[in-house]
Protein backbone atom coordinates (compact mmCIF):
# COMPACT_ATOMS: atom_id res chain seq x y z
CA MET A 1 89.29 100.34 126.86
CA LYS A 2 86.52 99.36 124.25
CA THR A 3 88.85 101.21 121.63
CA LYS A 4 91.87 99.30 122.38
CA SER A 5 89.65 95.91 122.19
CA ASN A 6 88.42 97.52 118.79
CA LEU A 7 91.78 98.02 117.27
CA LYS A 8 93.25 94.33 118.63
CA LYS A 9 89.95 92.77 116.86
CA GLU A 10 90.74 94.94 113.85
CA LEU A 11 94.73 94.48 113.37
CA PRO A 12 94.44 91.34 111.35
CA ILE A 13 92.26 92.98 108.64
CA LEU A 14 94.35 96.03 108.47
CA VAL A 15 97.44 93.57 108.30
CA VAL A 16 95.89 92.39 105.23
CA VAL A 17 94.64 95.19 103.75
CA MET A 18 98.16 96.71 103.90
CA LEU A 19 100.03 93.54 102.73
CA PRO A 20 100.61 95.08 99.67
CA VAL A 21 103.17 97.40 100.88
CA LEU A 22 104.95 94.86 101.75
CA PHE A 23 105.02 93.05 98.54
CA ILE A 24 106.03 96.61 96.96
CA LEU A 25 108.95 96.69 99.39
CA ILE A 26 110.31 92.85 98.72
CA ALA A 27 109.73 93.64 95.02
CA ASN A 28 110.68 97.12 94.31
CA ASN A 29 114.04 96.56 92.55
CA GLN A 30 112.13 94.05 90.06
CA LEU A 31 109.20 95.68 89.02
CA ASN A 32 108.98 96.99 85.66
CA ASN A 33 107.57 100.35 84.98
CA VAL A 34 104.34 99.21 83.09
CA ALA A 35 101.90 96.16 83.66
CA GLU A 36 100.66 94.08 80.36
CA ILE A 37 97.14 93.04 80.68
CA ASN A 38 96.29 91.46 77.71
CA TRP A 39 92.19 91.22 78.39
CA ILE A 40 91.43 95.23 79.06
CA GLN A 41 92.09 98.21 76.96
CA PRO A 42 94.15 99.82 77.06
CA LYS A 43 96.61 96.81 77.35
CA LEU A 44 99.47 98.76 79.13
CA ILE A 45 99.06 100.33 82.55
CA PRO A 46 101.74 102.09 84.69
CA ILE A 47 102.33 99.47 87.19
CA TRP A 48 102.00 102.02 90.08
CA ILE A 49 98.75 103.39 89.29
CA LEU A 50 97.26 99.86 89.38
CA ILE A 51 98.84 98.81 92.82
CA SER A 52 97.62 102.64 93.91
CA ILE A 53 94.07 101.32 92.50
CA PHE A 54 94.20 98.08 94.28
CA ILE A 55 95.18 99.54 97.48
CA GLY A 56 92.78 102.46 97.51
CA VAL A 57 89.81 100.06 96.88
CA ASN A 58 90.96 97.82 99.68
CA ILE A 59 91.06 100.56 101.90
CA LEU A 60 87.87 101.89 100.62
CA ILE A 61 85.83 99.07 101.27
CA TYR A 62 87.29 98.12 104.65
CA GLY A 63 86.07 101.68 105.58
CA LEU A 64 83.09 101.46 103.99
CA MET A 65 82.24 98.09 105.80
CA LEU A 66 83.19 99.54 108.81
CA PHE A 67 80.85 102.77 108.25
CA VAL A 68 77.71 100.96 106.66
CA GLN A 69 77.00 99.15 109.89
CA ARG A 70 77.27 102.77 112.08
CA ILE A 71 74.71 104.26 109.94
CA ASP A 72 72.42 101.42 109.00
CA PRO A 73 68.71 102.08 110.63
CA LYS A 74 68.90 98.38 111.69
CA LYS A 75 72.38 98.54 113.24
CA LYS A 76 71.25 96.56 116.19
CA ASN A 77 70.84 93.58 114.31
CA TYR A 78 74.77 93.53 112.92
CA GLU A 79 75.51 92.48 116.72
CA ALA A 80 73.38 89.03 115.77
CA PHE A 81 75.81 88.22 112.97
CA GLU A 82 78.89 90.07 114.22
CA SER A 83 81.35 87.13 113.87
CA SER A 84 79.90 86.33 109.83
CA PHE A 85 80.28 90.26 109.05
CA TYR A 86 83.64 90.29 110.49
CA LYS A 87 84.68 87.10 108.37
CA ILE A 88 83.11 88.62 105.41
CA ARG A 89 85.28 91.53 105.45
CA PHE A 90 88.37 90.01 106.34
CA ILE A 91 87.97 87.23 103.01
CA VAL A 92 86.92 90.75 101.12
CA SER A 93 90.19 92.32 102.19
CA LEU A 94 92.17 89.26 101.81
CA PHE A 95 90.56 88.73 98.15
CA ILE A 96 91.61 92.35 96.82
CA THR A 97 95.20 91.72 98.66
CA ALA A 98 95.42 88.37 96.99
CA ILE A 99 94.88 89.92 93.58
CA THR A 100 97.08 92.57 94.16
CA GLY A 101 99.87 89.98 94.68
CA LEU A 102 99.01 88.17 91.62
CA PHE A 103 99.70 91.57 89.45
CA VAL A 104 103.31 92.31 91.25
CA ALA A 105 104.40 88.77 90.84
CA SER A 106 103.32 88.74 86.55
CA ASN A 107 104.63 92.19 86.56
CA ILE A 108 108.18 90.76 87.85
CA GLY A 109 108.34 87.91 85.72
CA ILE A 110 106.68 85.15 87.41
CA VAL A 111 104.47 83.34 84.63
CA ILE A 112 100.80 83.32 85.59
CA ASP A 113 97.28 83.22 84.20
CA GLU A 114 95.95 86.38 85.96
CA LEU A 115 92.42 85.85 84.23
CA LYS A 116 92.34 82.19 84.66
CA ILE A 117 93.50 82.63 88.52
CA LEU A 118 91.01 86.07 89.14
CA ARG A 119 88.18 83.68 87.90
CA ILE A 120 88.86 80.87 90.62
CA SER A 121 89.58 83.27 93.21
CA THR A 122 86.50 85.04 92.39
CA PHE A 123 84.71 81.84 92.87
CA VAL A 124 86.52 80.78 96.05
CA LEU A 125 85.86 84.43 97.12
CA LEU A 126 81.92 83.72 96.73
CA ALA A 127 81.77 80.17 97.91
CA VAL A 128 83.17 81.39 101.14
CA ILE A 129 81.12 84.40 101.77
CA GLY A 130 78.29 81.77 100.79
CA ASN A 131 79.06 80.04 103.89
CA TYR A 132 78.26 83.01 106.10
CA VAL A 133 75.86 84.95 104.64
CA TYR A 134 73.01 82.34 105.69
CA SER A 135 73.21 84.09 108.83
CA VAL A 136 73.01 87.79 107.90
CA LYS A 137 70.03 89.84 109.85
CA PRO A 138 67.92 92.17 108.03
CA ASN A 139 69.90 95.30 107.55
CA TRP A 140 70.26 97.67 104.64
CA PHE A 141 73.80 97.06 103.15
CA ILE A 142 74.84 93.56 103.55
CA GLY A 143 73.15 90.10 101.75
CA PHE A 144 70.42 89.74 99.11
CA ARG A 145 68.28 93.15 99.46
CA THR A 146 65.48 93.06 97.65
CA PRO A 147 61.99 95.06 98.48
CA TRP A 148 60.69 91.52 99.45
CA THR A 149 63.44 90.37 101.68
CA LEU A 150 63.55 93.64 103.11
CA ASP A 151 59.47 93.98 103.68
CA ASN A 152 59.40 90.70 105.54
CA GLU A 153 61.94 89.37 108.07
CA ASN A 154 60.69 85.80 106.85
CA VAL A 155 61.59 86.19 103.50
CA TRP A 156 64.80 87.49 104.11
CA ARG A 157 65.82 84.53 106.45
CA LYS A 158 64.58 82.13 104.05
CA THR A 159 66.33 83.75 101.18
CA HIS A 160 69.41 84.31 102.73
CA GLN A 161 69.15 80.45 103.89
CA PHE A 162 68.40 79.29 100.16
CA GLY A 163 70.72 81.97 98.90
CA ALA A 164 73.58 80.83 100.82
CA LYS A 165 73.22 77.29 98.71
CA ILE A 166 73.33 78.73 95.67
CA MET A 167 76.16 80.73 96.34
CA VAL A 168 78.16 77.94 97.13
CA GLY A 169 76.60 75.44 94.76
CA PHE A 170 77.43 77.71 91.64
CA SER A 171 80.29 78.86 92.80
CA ILE A 172 81.46 74.99 92.79
CA ILE A 173 80.59 74.59 89.46
CA GLY A 174 82.34 78.06 88.29
CA LEU A 175 85.51 76.96 90.00
CA ILE A 176 85.25 73.77 88.13
CA VAL A 177 84.50 75.59 84.72
CA SER A 178 87.36 77.58 85.07
CA LEU A 179 90.04 74.98 85.65
CA ILE A 180 88.74 73.96 82.30
CA PRO A 181 91.01 75.00 79.15
CA GLN A 182 88.70 77.61 77.49
CA LYS A 183 89.15 80.70 75.27
CA GLU A 184 89.79 84.42 76.96
CA GLY A 185 86.26 85.59 75.23
CA ILE A 186 84.25 82.05 76.20
CA GLY A 187 85.76 82.16 79.75
CA LEU A 188 84.59 85.76 80.52
CA ILE A 189 81.42 84.95 79.03
CA VAL A 190 80.68 81.58 81.52
CA PHE A 191 81.78 83.53 84.32
CA PHE A 192 79.59 86.38 84.34
CA SER A 193 76.77 84.14 83.41
CA ILE A 194 77.45 81.89 86.15
CA ILE A 195 77.37 85.23 88.49
CA MET A 196 74.71 86.44 86.82
CA ILE A 197 72.05 83.32 87.49
CA MET A 198 73.78 83.07 91.12
CA VAL A 199 72.33 86.36 91.78
CA MET A 200 69.21 86.52 90.12
CA ILE A 201 67.83 82.99 91.13
CA PRO A 202 67.49 84.67 95.01
CA ILE A 203 66.23 87.87 94.10
CA ILE A 204 63.16 85.40 92.21
CA TYR A 205 62.72 83.17 94.91
CA SER A 206 62.40 86.37 97.32
CA TYR A 207 59.81 87.80 95.14
CA ARG A 208 57.85 84.50 94.61
CA LEU A 209 58.14 83.47 98.56
CA HIS A 210 56.95 87.32 99.58
CA LYS A 211 54.05 86.64 97.10
CA ARG A 212 53.02 83.24 98.34
CA LEU A 213 53.31 84.27 101.81
CA THR A 214 51.00 88.09 101.52
CA THR A 215 48.51 85.90 99.28
CA LYS A 216 47.57 83.39 102.08
């Protein structure tokens, strides 16, 4: 009974993970043998290799996120943020599937600025995750796992509350900046800079907070 319930719960994510197979069936006759991606080397990649990588990564991440909560020493804590974790897993799978669809669409002749849409999609993903990360409880795999958050539950809680705001705020900034026309090189620098800032601020915050609390 529990197995049937778990399968019913996982079905929406499994459908999203396998959706690229439907893309392939629909566009099969129109697919070119290679995909041209101007911002990586080599620029020409066999389309089936590219699609297989995306599908494989999606399945791998889905499996890993199911697996980690079973082996985590703090696995009981997952029950406290089960709903948020499920939504995070769903949105990550949806993101990878959407990117797969993006490259399939580009390959069959639909004019798309892949790099721009990829940047926009990433910031939307991070903004959505930021809405759920505040409720993540201490664990070894999900969230801002620094030596200081893992050492102190109060530091963990405050860091995730603060980090969630940083993720949403900087994702909105990144989204706005991504909509502004810019050269590919500059766009990539800005993209990675915003993500780096988004990651570093909560890490620094957790260190300073832990230091303040432990020196009292």
